[in-house]
Amino acid sequence: MSQDLSQFPSGKIILNAHIEAVSVNAADQLAQLILAVKKNVEEAEPDCLTYRLSQFENKLMVFEEYKDQKAIELHRESEAYKAFREAVKTLSAKPPHIAFYREL
């Protein structure tokens, strides 16, 4: 596991994000924003191979698979992702924990 994307200059990358919202209502709001990101992924990001969202109470987990580092960089440029990143600043109890993995 790494929190540094630059350690993966090539090959498939797995991203696992854990978000703890300030409340269940805030988690629901974040979930709607993440679902908008997922919709954009499905429509415009062919190199994002998997994008899944799970929720339990005020905790969210996003599991993502990307073809390579360039695909993650493209993902982070979408307007839907930027809207989520802005909202997470006020709706989360602490910064999201994001970890990168290399598939074996």
C-alpha atoms as a PDB file:
ATOM      1  CA  MET A   1       0.000   0.000   0.000  1.00  0.00           C
ATOM      2  CA  SER A   2       1.137   3.501  -0.764  1.00  0.00           C
ATOM      3  CA  GLN A   3      -0.369   6.936  -0.454  1.00  0.00           C
ATOM      4  CA  ASP A   4       1.986   8.196  -3.174  1.00  0.00           C
ATOM      5  CA  LEU A   5       0.675   7.735  -6.709  1.00  0.00           C
ATOM      6  CA  SER A   6       4.113   8.523  -8.181  1.00  0.00           C
ATOM      7  CA  GLN A   7       5.306   5.099  -6.985  1.00  0.00           C
ATOM      8  CA  PHE A   8       3.209   3.564  -9.768  1.00  0.00           C
ATOM      9  CA  PRO A   9       4.591   4.976 -13.038  1.00  0.00           C
ATOM     10  CA  SER A  10       3.091   2.177 -15.149  1.00  0.00           C
ATOM     11  CA  GLY A  11       0.620  -0.668 -15.027  1.00  0.00           C
ATOM     12  CA  LYS A  12      -2.768  -1.246 -13.456  1.00  0.00           C
ATOM     13  CA  ILE A  13      -3.455   0.633 -10.207  1.00  0.00           C
ATOM     14  CA  ILE A  14      -5.998  -0.178  -7.503  1.00  0.00           C
ATOM     15  CA  LEU A  15      -7.252   2.745  -5.406  1.00  0.00           C
ATOM     16  CA  ASN A  16      -9.116   2.299  -2.147  1.00  0.00           C
ATOM     17  CA  ALA A  17     -10.622   5.393  -0.493  1.00  0.00           C
ATOM     18  CA  HIS A  18     -12.200   5.503   2.968  1.00  0.00           C
ATOM     19  CA  ILE A  19     -14.275   8.536   3.928  1.00  0.00           C
ATOM     20  CA  GLU A  20     -15.807   9.204   7.337  1.00  0.00           C
ATOM     21  CA  ALA A  21     -18.546  11.822   7.091  1.00  0.00           C
ATOM     22  CA  VAL A  22     -19.577  14.091   9.960  1.00  0.00           C
ATOM     23  CA  SER A  23     -23.044  12.459   9.997  1.00  0.00           C
ATOM     24  CA  VAL A  24     -25.179   9.934   8.143  1.00  0.00           C
ATOM     25  CA  ASN A  25     -26.861  12.828   6.321  1.00  0.00           C
ATOM     26  CA  ALA A  26     -23.458  14.157   5.234  1.00  0.00           C
ATOM     27  CA  ALA A  27     -22.486  10.654   4.082  1.00  0.00           C
ATOM     28  CA  ASP A  28     -25.668  10.490   2.011  1.00  0.00           C
ATOM     29  CA  GLN A  29     -24.792  13.839   0.413  1.00  0.00           C
ATOM     30  CA  LEU A  30     -21.257  12.659  -0.345  1.00  0.00           C
ATOM     31  CA  ALA A  31     -22.626   9.399  -1.733  1.00  0.00           C
ATOM     32  CA  GLN A  32     -24.769  11.330  -4.221  1.00  0.00           C
ATOM     33  CA  LEU A  33     -21.714  13.287  -5.352  1.00  0.00           C
ATOM     34  CA  ILE A  34     -19.681  10.093  -5.683  1.00  0.00           C
ATOM     35  CA  LEU A  35     -22.473   8.517  -7.728  1.00  0.00           C
ATOM     36  CA  ALA A  36     -22.238  11.530 -10.067  1.00  0.00           C
ATOM     37  CA  VAL A  37     -18.502  10.818 -10.355  1.00  0.00           C
ATOM     38  CA  LYS A  38     -19.327   7.174 -11.110  1.00  0.00           C
ATOM     39  CA  LYS A  39     -21.730   8.242 -13.860  1.00  0.00           C
ATOM     40  CA  ASN A  40     -19.003  10.370 -15.427  1.00  0.00           C
ATOM     41  CA  VAL A  41     -16.586   7.435 -15.175  1.00  0.00           C
ATOM     42  CA  GLU A  42     -19.037   5.179 -17.011  1.00  0.00           C
ATOM     43  CA  GLU A  43     -19.639   7.759 -19.744  1.00  0.00           C
ATOM     44  CA  ALA A  44     -16.223   9.328 -20.280  1.00  0.00           C
ATOM     45  CA  GLU A  45     -13.402   7.354 -18.641  1.00  0.00           C
ATOM     46  CA  PRO A  46     -12.762   4.068 -20.479  1.00  0.00           C
ATOM     47  CA  ASP A  47      -9.453   3.550 -18.647  1.00  0.00           C
ATOM     48  CA  CYS A  48     -11.218   3.445 -15.281  1.00  0.00           C
ATOM     49  CA  LEU A  49     -11.906  -0.282 -15.194  1.00  0.00           C
ATOM     50  CA  THR A  50     -13.928  -0.488 -11.955  1.00  0.00           C
ATOM     51  CA  TYR A  51     -15.633   2.135  -9.786  1.00  0.00           C
ATOM     52  CA  ARG A  52     -17.652   0.909  -6.797  1.00  0.00           C
ATOM     53  CA  LEU A  53     -19.159   2.726  -3.825  1.00  0.00           C
ATOM     54  CA  SER A  54     -20.149   1.168  -0.495  1.00  0.00           C
ATOM     55  CA  GLN A  55     -21.693   2.795   2.578  1.00  0.00           C
ATOM     56  CA  PHE A  56     -22.315   1.873   6.205  1.00  0.00           C
ATOM     57  CA  GLU A  57     -23.857   4.623   8.314  1.00  0.00           C
ATOM     58  CA  ASN A  58     -21.500   7.628   8.045  1.00  0.00           C
ATOM     59  CA  LYS A  59     -18.646   5.695   6.413  1.00  0.00           C
ATOM     60  CA  LEU A  60     -18.043   5.414   2.684  1.00  0.00           C
ATOM     61  CA  MET A  61     -15.603   3.226   0.783  1.00  0.00           C
ATOM     62  CA  VAL A  62     -14.731   3.631  -2.878  1.00  0.00           C
ATOM     63  CA  PHE A  63     -12.909   0.863  -4.762  1.00  0.00           C
ATOM     64  CA  GLU A  64     -11.399   1.885  -8.088  1.00  0.00           C
ATOM     65  CA  GLU A  65      -9.238   0.180 -10.730  1.00  0.00           C
ATOM     66  CA  TYR A  66      -7.357   2.132 -13.382  1.00  0.00           C
ATOM     67  CA  LYS A  67      -5.396   1.091 -16.448  1.00  0.00           C
ATOM     68  CA  ASP A  68      -2.500   3.325 -15.408  1.00  0.00           C
ATOM     69  CA  GLN A  69      -1.466   6.533 -13.659  1.00  0.00           C
ATOM     70  CA  LYS A  70      -2.578   8.660 -16.612  1.00  0.00           C
ATOM     71  CA  ALA A  71      -6.144   7.356 -16.187  1.00  0.00           C
ATOM     72  CA  ILE A  72      -6.189   8.527 -12.550  1.00  0.00           C
ATOM     73  CA  GLU A  73      -4.888  11.938 -13.553  1.00  0.00           C
ATOM     74  CA  LEU A  74      -7.660  12.235 -16.170  1.00  0.00           C
ATOM     75  CA  HIS A  75     -10.227  11.133 -13.569  1.00  0.00           C
ATOM     76  CA  ARG A  76      -9.161  13.919 -11.225  1.00  0.00           C
ATOM     77  CA  GLU A  77      -9.787  16.542 -13.920  1.00  0.00           C
ATOM     78  CA  SER A  78     -13.528  15.854 -14.239  1.00  0.00           C
ATOM     79  CA  GLU A  79     -15.987  18.459 -12.971  1.00  0.00           C
ATOM     80  CA  ALA A  80     -17.886  15.801 -11.001  1.00  0.00           C
ATOM     81  CA  TYR A  81     -14.701  14.784  -9.168  1.00  0.00           C
ATOM     82  CA  LYS A  82     -13.832  18.415  -8.437  1.00  0.00           C
ATOM     83  CA  ALA A  83     -17.325  18.993  -6.975  1.00  0.00           C
ATOM     84  CA  PHE A  84     -16.894  15.957  -4.723  1.00  0.00           C
ATOM     85  CA  ARG A  85     -13.424  17.088  -3.588  1.00  0.00           C
ATOM     86  CA  GLU A  86     -14.810  20.499  -2.640  1.00  0.00           C
ATOM     87  CA  ALA A  87     -17.742  19.034  -0.675  1.00  0.00           C
ATOM     88  CA  VAL A  88     -15.598  16.506   1.188  1.00  0.00           C
ATOM     89  CA  LYS A  89     -13.759  19.413   2.838  1.00  0.00           C
ATOM     90  CA  THR A  90     -16.832  20.306   4.903  1.00  0.00           C
ATOM     91  CA  LEU A  91     -18.815  17.056   4.994  1.00  0.00           C
ATOM     92  CA  SER A  92     -16.081  14.695   6.187  1.00  0.00           C
ATOM     93  CA  ALA A  93     -14.944  14.296   9.791  1.00  0.00           C
ATOM     94  CA  LYS A  94     -11.314  13.993   8.668  1.00  0.00           C
ATOM     95  CA  PRO A  95      -9.426  13.890   5.374  1.00  0.00           C
ATOM     96  CA  PRO A  96     -10.194  10.804   3.267  1.00  0.00           C
ATOM     97  CA  HIS A  97      -7.716   7.942   3.561  1.00  0.00           C
ATOM     98  CA  ILE A  98      -6.572   7.030   0.061  1.00  0.00           C
ATOM     99  CA  ALA A  99      -4.301   4.081  -0.650  1.00  0.00           C
ATOM    100  CA  PHE A 100      -2.860   2.826  -3.927  1.00  0.00           C
ATOM    101  CA  TYR A 101      -2.003  -0.785  -4.699  1.00  0.00           C
ATOM    102  CA  ARG A 102      -0.463  -2.639  -7.618  1.00  0.00           C
ATOM    103  CA  GLU A 103      -2.356  -5.681  -8.825  1.00  0.00           C
ATOM    104  CA  LEU A 104      -0.334  -8.883  -8.736  1.00  0.00           C
END
